[in-house]
PDB file of N, CA and C in Angstrom:
ATOM      1  N   MET A   1       0.716  -1.472  -0.060  1.00  0.00           N
ATOM      2  CA  MET A   1       0.046  -0.359  -0.136  1.00  0.00           C
ATOM      3  C   MET A   1       1.151   1.257   0.165  1.00  0.00           C
ATOM      4  N   VAL A   2       1.899   1.324   0.784  1.00  0.00           N
ATOM      5  CA  VAL A   2       2.201   2.414   0.687  1.00  0.00           C
ATOM      6  C   VAL A   2       3.610   2.916  -0.498  1.00  0.00           C
ATOM      7  N   PHE A   3       3.686   1.974  -1.243  1.00  0.00           N
ATOM      8  CA  PHE A   3       4.469   1.653  -2.406  1.00  0.00           C
ATOM      9  C   PHE A   3       3.199   2.640  -3.487  1.00  0.00           C
ATOM     10  N   GLU A   4       2.054   2.165  -3.361  1.00  0.00           N
ATOM     11  CA  GLU A   4       0.583   2.641  -4.244  1.00  0.00           C
ATOM     12  C   GLU A   4       1.203   3.827  -4.327  1.00  0.00           C
ATOM     13  N   GLU A   5       1.067   4.379  -2.387  1.00  0.00           N
ATOM     14  CA  GLU A   5       0.536   5.879  -2.144  1.00  0.00           C
ATOM     15  C   GLU A   5       1.959   6.389  -3.041  1.00  0.00           C
ATOM     16  N   LYS A   6       3.405   6.355  -2.783  1.00  0.00           N
ATOM     17  CA  LYS A   6       4.360   7.016  -3.502  1.00  0.00           C
ATOM     18  C   LYS A   6       4.392   7.035  -4.795  1.00  0.00           C
ATOM     19  N   MET A   7       3.607   5.798  -5.334  1.00  0.00           N
ATOM     20  CA  MET A   7       3.047   6.320  -6.698  1.00  0.00           C
ATOM     21  C   MET A   7       2.653   7.079  -7.307  1.00  0.00           C
ATOM     22  N   ILE A   8       1.365   7.384  -6.468  1.00  0.00           N
ATOM     23  CA  ILE A   8       0.325   8.470  -6.949  1.00  0.00           C
ATOM     24  C   ILE A   8       0.930   9.368  -6.269  1.00  0.00           C
ATOM     25  N   LEU A   9       1.490   9.821  -5.388  1.00  0.00           N
ATOM     26  CA  LEU A   9       2.254  11.137  -5.107  1.00  0.00           C
ATOM     27  C   LEU A   9       2.970  11.706  -6.065  1.00  0.00           C
ATOM     28  N   ASN A  10       4.347  10.869  -6.352  1.00  0.00           N
ATOM     29  CA  ASN A  10       5.532  10.529  -7.165  1.00  0.00           C
ATOM     30  C   ASN A  10       4.861  10.647  -8.701  1.00  0.00           C
ATOM     31  N   GLY A  11       3.724  10.161  -9.293  1.00  0.00           N
ATOM     32  CA  GLY A  11       3.447  10.006 -10.155  1.00  0.00           C
ATOM     33  C   GLY A  11       4.897   9.039 -11.148  1.00  0.00           C
ATOM     34  N   GLU A  12       4.529   8.656 -12.179  1.00  0.00           N
ATOM     35  CA  GLU A  12       5.200   7.692 -13.531  1.00  0.00           C
ATOM     36  C   GLU A  12       6.658   9.521 -14.228  1.00  0.00           C
ATOM     37  N   PRO A  13       7.330   8.859 -14.165  1.00  0.00           N
ATOM     38  CA  PRO A  13       8.411  10.220 -15.404  1.00  0.00           C
ATOM     39  C   PRO A  13       7.346  10.264 -16.569  1.00  0.00           C
ATOM     40  N   GLU A  14       7.175  11.213 -16.695  1.00  0.00           N
ATOM     41  CA  GLU A  14       6.221  11.471 -18.120  1.00  0.00           C
ATOM     42  C   GLU A  14       7.705  11.627 -19.236  1.00  0.00           C
ATOM     43  N   ASP A  15       7.028  11.233 -20.376  1.00  0.00           N
ATOM     44  CA  ASP A  15       7.900  11.082 -21.929  1.00  0.00           C
ATOM     45  C   ASP A  15       7.861  12.156 -22.323  1.00  0.00           C
ATOM     46  N   GLU A  16       7.683  13.357 -22.044  1.00  0.00           N
ATOM     47  CA  GLU A  16       7.648  14.309 -22.675  1.00  0.00           C
ATOM     48  C   GLU A  16       8.732  14.693 -23.672  1.00  0.00           C
ATOM     49  N   GLU A  17       9.630  14.042 -24.072  1.00  0.00           N
ATOM     50  CA  GLU A  17      10.220  14.370 -24.835  1.00  0.00           C
ATOM     51  C   GLU A  17      10.468  13.574 -25.616  1.00  0.00           C
ATOM     52  N   GLU A  18       9.826  12.355 -25.905  1.00  0.00           N
ATOM     53  CA  GLU A  18       9.176  11.260 -27.239  1.00  0.00           C
ATOM     54  C   GLU A  18       7.913  11.916 -27.275  1.00  0.00           C
ATOM     55  N   GLU A  19       7.252  12.662 -26.783  1.00  0.00           N
ATOM     56  CA  GLU A  19       5.897  13.195 -27.255  1.00  0.00           C
ATOM     57  C   GLU A  19       6.339  14.387 -28.021  1.00  0.00           C
ATOM     58  N   GLU A  20       7.523  15.165 -27.912  1.00  0.00           N
ATOM     59  CA  GLU A  20       7.493  16.242 -28.421  1.00  0.00           C
ATOM     60  C   GLU A  20       8.672  15.818 -29.811  1.00  0.00           C
ATOM     61  N   GLU A  21       8.929  14.891 -30.305  1.00  0.00           N
ATOM     62  CA  GLU A  21       9.585  14.031 -30.969  1.00  0.00           C
ATOM     63  C   GLU A  21       8.860  13.798 -31.614  1.00  0.00           C
ATOM     64  N   GLU A  22       7.432  12.967 -31.440  1.00  0.00           N
ATOM     65  CA  GLU A  22       6.387  12.400 -32.322  1.00  0.00           C
ATOM     66  C   GLU A  22       5.691  13.873 -33.202  1.00  0.00           C
ATOM     67  N   GLU A  23       5.603  14.777 -32.285  1.00  0.00           N
ATOM     68  CA  GLU A  23       4.624  15.884 -32.785  1.00  0.00           C
ATOM     69  C   GLU A  23       5.215  16.561 -34.057  1.00  0.00           C
ATOM     70  N   ASP A  24       6.839  16.600 -34.045  1.00  0.00           N
ATOM     71  CA  ASP A  24       7.643  17.172 -34.949  1.00  0.00           C
ATOM     72  C   ASP A  24       8.339  16.219 -36.056  1.00  0.00           C
ATOM     73  N   MET A  25       7.853  15.015 -35.915  1.00  0.00           N
ATOM     74  CA  MET A  25       7.924  14.314 -37.050  1.00  0.00           C
ATOM     75  C   MET A  25       7.278  14.412 -38.416  1.00  0.00           C
ATOM     76  N   VAL A  26       7.583  14.379 -39.738  1.00  0.00           N
ATOM     77  CA  VAL A  26       6.719  14.706 -40.445  1.00  0.00           C
ATOM     78  C   VAL A  26       7.627  13.546 -41.692  1.00  0.00           C
ATOM     79  N   ASP A  27       6.382  12.591 -42.030  1.00  0.00           N
ATOM     80  CA  ASP A  27       6.351  11.867 -43.092  1.00  0.00           C
ATOM     81  C   ASP A  27       6.800  12.451 -44.748  1.00  0.00           C
ATOM     82  N   PRO A  28       8.556  11.562 -44.603  1.00  0.00           N
ATOM     83  CA  PRO A  28       8.854  11.909 -45.922  1.00  0.00           C
ATOM     84  C   PRO A  28       7.825  11.962 -47.118  1.00  0.00           C
ATOM     85  N   LEU A  29       6.898  11.070 -47.716  1.00  0.00           N
ATOM     86  CA  LEU A  29       6.454  11.057 -48.610  1.00  0.00           C
ATOM     87  C   LEU A  29       5.168  11.955 -48.477  1.00  0.00           C
ATOM     88  N   ASP A  30       4.667  12.568 -47.469  1.00  0.00           N
ATOM     89  CA  ASP A  30       4.058  13.778 -47.815  1.00  0.00           C
ATOM     90  C   ASP A  30       4.353  14.966 -47.936  1.00  0.00           C
ATOM     91  N   THR A  31       5.860  14.933 -47.508  1.00  0.00           N
ATOM     92  CA  THR A  31       6.852  16.054 -48.601  1.00  0.00           C
ATOM     93  C   THR A  31       7.090  15.941 -49.615  1.00  0.00           C
ATOM     94  N   VAL A  32       7.390  14.958 -50.113  1.00  0.00           N
ATOM     95  CA  VAL A  32       7.369  14.584 -51.381  1.00  0.00           C
ATOM     96  C   VAL A  32       6.280  14.609 -52.653  1.00  0.00           C
ATOM     97  N   ARG A  33       5.150  14.265 -51.640  1.00  0.00           N
ATOM     98  CA  ARG A  33       3.782  14.661 -52.431  1.00  0.00           C
ATOM     99  C   ARG A  33       3.765  16.104 -52.902  1.00  0.00           C
ATOM    100  N   ASP A  34       3.843  17.094 -51.669  1.00  0.00           N
ATOM    101  CA  ASP A  34       3.823  18.697 -51.419  1.00  0.00           C
ATOM    102  C   ASP A  34       4.695  19.180 -52.814  1.00  0.00           C
ATOM    103  N   LYS A  35       5.538  18.609 -52.754  1.00  0.00           N
ATOM    104  CA  LYS A  35       6.825  18.899 -54.171  1.00  0.00           C
ATOM    105  C   LYS A  35       6.564  18.909 -54.952  1.00  0.00           C
ATOM    106  N   CYS A  36       6.270  17.469 -55.257  1.00  0.00           N
ATOM    107  CA  CYS A  36       5.483  16.757 -56.797  1.00  0.00           C
ATOM    108  C   CYS A  36       3.724  17.623 -56.826  1.00  0.00           C
ATOM    109  N   ALA A  37       3.237  17.958 -56.031  1.00  0.00           N
ATOM    110  CA  ALA A  37       1.978  18.637 -56.448  1.00  0.00           C
ATOM    111  C   ALA A  37       2.705  19.930 -57.267  1.00  0.00           C
ATOM    112  N   GLN A  38       3.623  20.436 -57.009  1.00  0.00           N
ATOM    113  CA  GLN A  38       3.514  21.583 -57.299  1.00  0.00           C
ATOM    114  C   GLN A  38       4.492  21.834 -58.890  1.00  0.00           C
ATOM    115  N   ALA A  39       5.081  20.785 -59.284  1.00  0.00           N
ATOM    116  CA  ALA A  39       5.494  20.585 -60.636  1.00  0.00           C
ATOM    117  C   ALA A  39       4.801  20.727 -61.806  1.00  0.00           C
ATOM    118  N   GLU A  40       5.171  21.356 -62.618  1.00  0.00           N
ATOM    119  CA  GLU A  40       4.081  21.711 -64.131  1.00  0.00           C
ATOM    120  C   GLU A  40       3.575  20.992 -64.391  1.00  0.00           C
ATOM    121  N   HIS A  41       3.555  19.375 -64.577  1.00  0.00           N
ATOM    122  CA  HIS A  41       2.298  18.813 -65.098  1.00  0.00           C
ATOM    123  C   HIS A  41       1.337  18.500 -64.054  1.00  0.00           C
ATOM    124  N   CYS A  42       1.935  18.739 -62.946  1.00  0.00           N
ATOM    125  CA  CYS A  42       0.258  18.394 -61.385  1.00  0.00           C
ATOM    126  C   CYS A  42      -0.108  19.760 -61.680  1.00  0.00           C
ATOM    127  N   ILE A  43       0.480  20.826 -61.648  1.00  0.00           N
ATOM    128  CA  ILE A  43       0.065  22.225 -61.614  1.00  0.00           C
ATOM    129  C   ILE A  43      -1.302  22.364 -62.768  1.00  0.00           C
ATOM    130  N   HIS A  44      -0.713  21.439 -63.829  1.00  0.00           N
ATOM    131  CA  HIS A  44      -2.005  21.646 -64.775  1.00  0.00           C
ATOM    132  C   HIS A  44      -3.188  20.583 -64.376  1.00  0.00           C
ATOM    133  N   THR A  45      -2.807  19.414 -63.946  1.00  0.00           N
ATOM    134  CA  THR A  45      -3.740  18.519 -63.359  1.00  0.00           C
ATOM    135  C   THR A  45      -4.786  18.851 -62.477  1.00  0.00           C
ATOM    136  N   ARG A  46      -3.900  19.376 -61.486  1.00  0.00           N
ATOM    137  CA  ARG A  46      -4.697  19.845 -60.256  1.00  0.00           C
ATOM    138  C   ARG A  46      -5.207  21.329 -60.803  1.00  0.00           C
ATOM    139  N   ALA A  47      -5.173  21.876 -61.731  1.00  0.00           N
ATOM    140  CA  ALA A  47      -6.229  23.307 -62.363  1.00  0.00           C
ATOM    141  C   ALA A  47      -7.358  22.608 -62.910  1.00  0.00           C
ATOM    142  N   LYS A  48      -7.221  21.844 -63.423  1.00  0.00           N
ATOM    143  CA  LYS A  48      -8.523  21.214 -63.708  1.00  0.00           C
ATOM    144  C   LYS A  48      -9.199  20.535 -63.054  1.00  0.00           C
ATOM    145  N   LEU A  49      -8.891  19.951 -62.221  1.00  0.00           N
ATOM    146  CA  LEU A  49      -9.742  19.385 -60.524  1.00  0.00           C
ATOM    147  C   LEU A  49     -10.051  20.651 -60.141  1.00  0.00           C
ATOM    148  N   GLU A  50      -9.350  21.769 -59.609  1.00  0.00           N
ATOM    149  CA  GLU A  50      -9.953  22.683 -59.208  1.00  0.00           C
ATOM    150  C   GLU A  50     -10.844  23.594 -59.885  1.00  0.00           C
ATOM    151  N   ASP A  51     -10.828  23.177 -61.376  1.00  0.00           N
ATOM    152  CA  ASP A  51     -12.053  24.196 -62.253  1.00  0.00           C
ATOM    153  C   ASP A  51     -13.305  23.264 -61.944  1.00  0.00           C
ATOM    154  N   CYS A  52     -13.083  21.841 -62.354  1.00  0.00           N
ATOM    155  CA  CYS A  52     -14.527  20.982 -61.785  1.00  0.00           C
ATOM    156  C   CYS A  52     -14.637  21.058 -59.981  1.00  0.00           C
ATOM    157  N   GLU A  53     -13.750  21.130 -59.425  1.00  0.00           N
ATOM    158  CA  GLU A  53     -14.317  21.541 -58.465  1.00  0.00           C
ATOM    159  C   GLU A  53     -15.590  22.734 -58.270  1.00  0.00           C
ATOM    160  N   SER A  54     -14.834  24.057 -58.963  1.00  0.00           N
ATOM    161  CA  SER A  54     -15.696  24.767 -58.784  1.00  0.00           C
ATOM    162  C   SER A  54     -16.945  24.713 -59.281  1.00  0.00           C
ATOM    163  N   ARG A  55     -16.903  24.154 -60.682  1.00  0.00           N
ATOM    164  CA  ARG A  55     -18.050  23.915 -61.505  1.00  0.00           C
ATOM    165  C   ARG A  55     -19.010  23.252 -60.640  1.00  0.00           C
ATOM    166  N   VAL A  56     -18.742  22.084 -60.235  1.00  0.00           N
ATOM    167  CA  VAL A  56     -19.937  21.257 -59.354  1.00  0.00           C
ATOM    168  C   VAL A  56     -19.764  21.651 -58.202  1.00  0.00           C
ATOM    169  N   GLY A  57     -19.080  22.501 -57.274  1.00  0.00           N
ATOM    170  CA  GLY A  57     -19.381  23.112 -56.251  1.00  0.00           C
ATOM    171  C   GLY A  57     -20.866  24.526 -56.565  1.00  0.00           C
ATOM    172  N   SER A  58     -20.882  25.055 -57.957  1.00  0.00           N
ATOM    173  CA  SER A  58     -21.325  26.155 -58.133  1.00  0.00           C
ATOM    174  C   SER A  58     -22.789  25.646 -58.339  1.00  0.00           C
ATOM    175  N   LYS A  59     -23.120  24.205 -59.001  1.00  0.00           N
ATOM    176  CA  LYS A  59     -24.594  23.767 -59.462  1.00  0.00           C
ATOM    177  C   LYS A  59     -25.194  23.533 -57.901  1.00  0.00           C
ATOM    178  N   SER A  60     -26.243  23.738 -58.002  1.00  0.00           N
ATOM    179  CA  SER A  60     -27.252  23.083 -56.660  1.00  0.00           C
ATOM    180  C   SER A  60     -27.367  21.596 -56.415  1.00  0.00           C
ATOM    181  N   GLU A  61     -27.654  20.802 -58.492  1.00  0.00           N
ATOM    182  CA  GLU A  61     -28.320  19.973 -58.345  1.00  0.00           C
ATOM    183  C   GLU A  61     -27.025  19.095 -59.786  1.00  0.00           C
ATOM    184  N   THR A  62     -26.401  18.508 -59.893  1.00  0.00           N
ATOM    185  CA  THR A  62     -25.702  17.895 -60.776  1.00  0.00           C
ATOM    186  C   THR A  62     -25.142  16.590 -60.285  1.00  0.00           C
ATOM    187  N   ALA A  63     -25.309  15.849 -62.030  1.00  0.00           N
ATOM    188  CA  ALA A  63     -24.703  14.559 -61.398  1.00  0.00           C
ATOM    189  C   ALA A  63     -23.219  14.294 -61.577  1.00  0.00           C
ATOM    190  N   GLU A  64     -22.931  15.314 -62.152  1.00  0.00           N
ATOM    191  CA  GLU A  64     -21.368  15.611 -62.350  1.00  0.00           C
ATOM    192  C   GLU A  64     -20.362  15.382 -61.106  1.00  0.00           C
ATOM    193  N   ASP A  65     -19.596  14.664 -61.296  1.00  0.00           N
ATOM    194  CA  ASP A  65     -18.338  14.676 -60.180  1.00  0.00           C
ATOM    195  C   ASP A  65     -17.237  14.911 -61.128  1.00  0.00           C
ATOM    196  N   CYS A  66     -16.066  14.865 -59.570  1.00  0.00           N
ATOM    197  CA  CYS A  66     -14.493  15.013 -60.258  1.00  0.00           C
ATOM    198  C   CYS A  66     -13.674  13.968 -59.691  1.00  0.00           C
ATOM    199  N   THR A  67     -14.367  12.660 -60.430  1.00  0.00           N
ATOM    200  CA  THR A  67     -13.326  11.414 -59.946  1.00  0.00           C
ATOM    201  C   THR A  67     -12.611  11.543 -61.139  1.00  0.00           C
ATOM    202  N   GLU A  68     -12.497  11.569 -62.340  1.00  0.00           N
ATOM    203  CA  GLU A  68     -11.701  11.548 -63.338  1.00  0.00           C
ATOM    204  C   GLU A  68     -10.226  12.555 -63.186  1.00  0.00           C
ATOM    205  N   GLU A  69     -10.892  13.629 -62.891  1.00  0.00           N
ATOM    206  CA  GLU A  69      -9.958  14.849 -62.438  1.00  0.00           C
ATOM    207  C   GLU A  69      -9.184  14.372 -61.428  1.00  0.00           C
ATOM    208  N   LEU A  70      -9.650  14.282 -60.284  1.00  0.00           N
ATOM    209  CA  LEU A  70      -9.158  13.731 -59.091  1.00  0.00           C
ATOM    210  C   LEU A  70      -8.016  12.632 -59.191  1.00  0.00           C
ATOM    211  N   PHE A  71      -8.457  11.320 -60.271  1.00  0.00           N
ATOM    212  CA  PHE A  71      -7.494  10.714 -60.154  1.00  0.00           C
ATOM    213  C   PHE A  71      -6.147  10.951 -61.232  1.00  0.00           C
ATOM    214  N   ASP A  72      -6.538  11.763 -62.499  1.00  0.00           N
ATOM    215  CA  ASP A  72      -5.898  12.408 -63.337  1.00  0.00           C
ATOM    216  C   ASP A  72      -4.827  13.287 -62.392  1.00  0.00           C
ATOM    217  N   PHE A  73      -5.103  14.137 -61.514  1.00  0.00           N
ATOM    218  CA  PHE A  73      -4.040  14.776 -60.254  1.00  0.00           C
ATOM    219  C   PHE A  73      -2.793  13.791 -59.585  1.00  0.00           C
ATOM    220  N   LEU A  74      -3.870  12.587 -59.003  1.00  0.00           N
ATOM    221  CA  LEU A  74      -3.232  11.915 -58.182  1.00  0.00           C
ATOM    222  C   LEU A  74      -2.016  10.955 -59.192  1.00  0.00           C
ATOM    223  N   HIS A  75      -2.236  10.537 -60.195  1.00  0.00           N
ATOM    224  CA  HIS A  75      -1.471   9.826 -61.119  1.00  0.00           C
ATOM    225  C   HIS A  75      -0.644  10.517 -61.540  1.00  0.00           C
ATOM    226  N   ALA A  76      -0.423  11.810 -61.650  1.00  0.00           N
ATOM    227  CA  ALA A  76       0.753  12.766 -61.826  1.00  0.00           C
ATOM    228  C   ALA A  76       1.315  12.865 -61.262  1.00  0.00           C
ATOM    229  N   ARG A  77       0.962  12.755 -59.659  1.00  0.00           N
ATOM    230  CA  ARG A  77       1.755  13.327 -58.639  1.00  0.00           C
ATOM    231  C   ARG A  77       1.963  12.340 -58.568  1.00  0.00           C
ATOM    232  N   ASP A  78       2.000  10.937 -58.269  1.00  0.00           N
ATOM    233  CA  ASP A  78       2.612   9.697 -58.084  1.00  0.00           C
ATOM    234  C   ASP A  78       3.606   9.457 -58.747  1.00  0.00           C
ATOM    235  N   HIS A  79       3.593   9.531 -59.911  1.00  0.00           N
ATOM    236  CA  HIS A  79       4.135   9.466 -61.110  1.00  0.00           C
ATOM    237  C   HIS A  79       5.284  10.387 -60.697  1.00  0.00           C
ATOM    238  N   CYS A  80       5.329  11.371 -60.235  1.00  0.00           N
ATOM    239  CA  CYS A  80       6.583  12.228 -60.358  1.00  0.00           C
ATOM    240  C   CYS A  80       7.213  11.979 -58.750  1.00  0.00           C
ATOM    241  N   VAL A  81       6.317  11.446 -57.942  1.00  0.00           N
ATOM    242  CA  VAL A  81       6.729  10.665 -56.724  1.00  0.00           C
ATOM    243  C   VAL A  81       7.845   9.178 -57.097  1.00  0.00           C
ATOM    244  N   ARG A  82       7.164   8.675 -57.973  1.00  0.00           N
ATOM    245  CA  ARG A  82       8.258   7.653 -58.443  1.00  0.00           C
ATOM    246  C   ARG A  82       9.191   7.668 -59.510  1.00  0.00           C
ATOM    247  N   GLU A  83       9.697   8.780 -59.977  1.00  0.00           N
ATOM    248  CA  GLU A  83      10.875   9.186 -60.719  1.00  0.00           C
ATOM    249  C   GLU A  83      11.785   9.829 -59.439  1.00  0.00           C
ATOM    250  N   ILE A  84      10.975  10.348 -58.303  1.00  0.00           N
ATOM    251  CA  ILE A  84      12.068  11.081 -57.257  1.00  0.00           C
ATOM    252  C   ILE A  84      12.951   9.523 -56.556  1.00  0.00           C
ATOM    253  N   TYR A  85      11.831   8.578 -56.308  1.00  0.00           N
ATOM    254  CA  TYR A  85      12.063   7.356 -55.385  1.00  0.00           C
ATOM    255  C   TYR A  85      12.168   5.920 -56.372  1.00  0.00           C
ATOM    256  N   PRO A  86      12.922   5.750 -57.509  1.00  0.00           N
ATOM    257  CA  PRO A  86      12.320   4.869 -58.183  1.00  0.00           C
ATOM    258  C   PRO A  86      12.554   3.294 -57.765  1.00  0.00           C
ATOM    259  N   ASP A  87      13.192   3.743 -56.293  1.00  0.00           N
ATOM    260  CA  ASP A  87      13.268   1.924 -55.679  1.00  0.00           C
ATOM    261  C   ASP A  87      12.360   2.419 -54.803  1.00  0.00           C
ATOM    262  N   ALA A  88      11.582   2.976 -54.352  1.00  0.00           N
ATOM    263  CA  ALA A  88      10.753   2.685 -53.384  1.00  0.00           C
ATOM    264  C   ALA A  88       9.379   1.735 -53.704  1.00  0.00           C
ATOM    265  N   VAL A  89       9.074   1.801 -54.804  1.00  0.00           N
ATOM    266  CA  VAL A  89       8.053   0.789 -55.378  1.00  0.00           C
ATOM    267  C   VAL A  89       8.650  -0.929 -55.959  1.00  0.00           C
ATOM    268  N   ALA A  90       7.969  -1.937 -55.453  1.00  0.00           N
ATOM    269  CA  ALA A  90       8.691  -2.704 -55.763  1.00  0.00           C
ATOM    270  C   ALA A  90       8.414  -2.964 -56.592  1.00  0.00           C
ATOM    271  N   SER A  91       8.971  -3.523 -57.893  1.00  0.00           N
ATOM    272  CA  SER A  91       9.019  -3.455 -59.380  1.00  0.00           C
ATOM    273  C   SER A  91       8.118  -5.176 -59.631  1.00  0.00           C
ATOM    274  N   ARG A  92       7.055  -5.124 -60.477  1.00  0.00           N
ATOM    275  CA  ARG A  92       5.905  -6.524 -60.818  1.00  0.00           C
ATOM    276  C   ARG A  92       6.420  -7.473 -61.579  1.00  0.00           C
TER     277      ARG A  92
END
């Protein structure tokens, strides 16, 4: 009982350093994807996606969606990532 009281009073040492490090960690894939999203071809496909989103968002009822434009942008961005890290994806 005394040991438990000491644990309650003193508490466990907190791992504040570990928590701070985890918060500061950035996924390198996100960094590369952001960089690739700014590439010339990706800017073109992103503009098409944004135009589609604006068009669809301005209509109250529409069957149109921007799936094709989204996939085109993601394909262009991922192709750029693949060029930067060619060995990151296993060959089939």
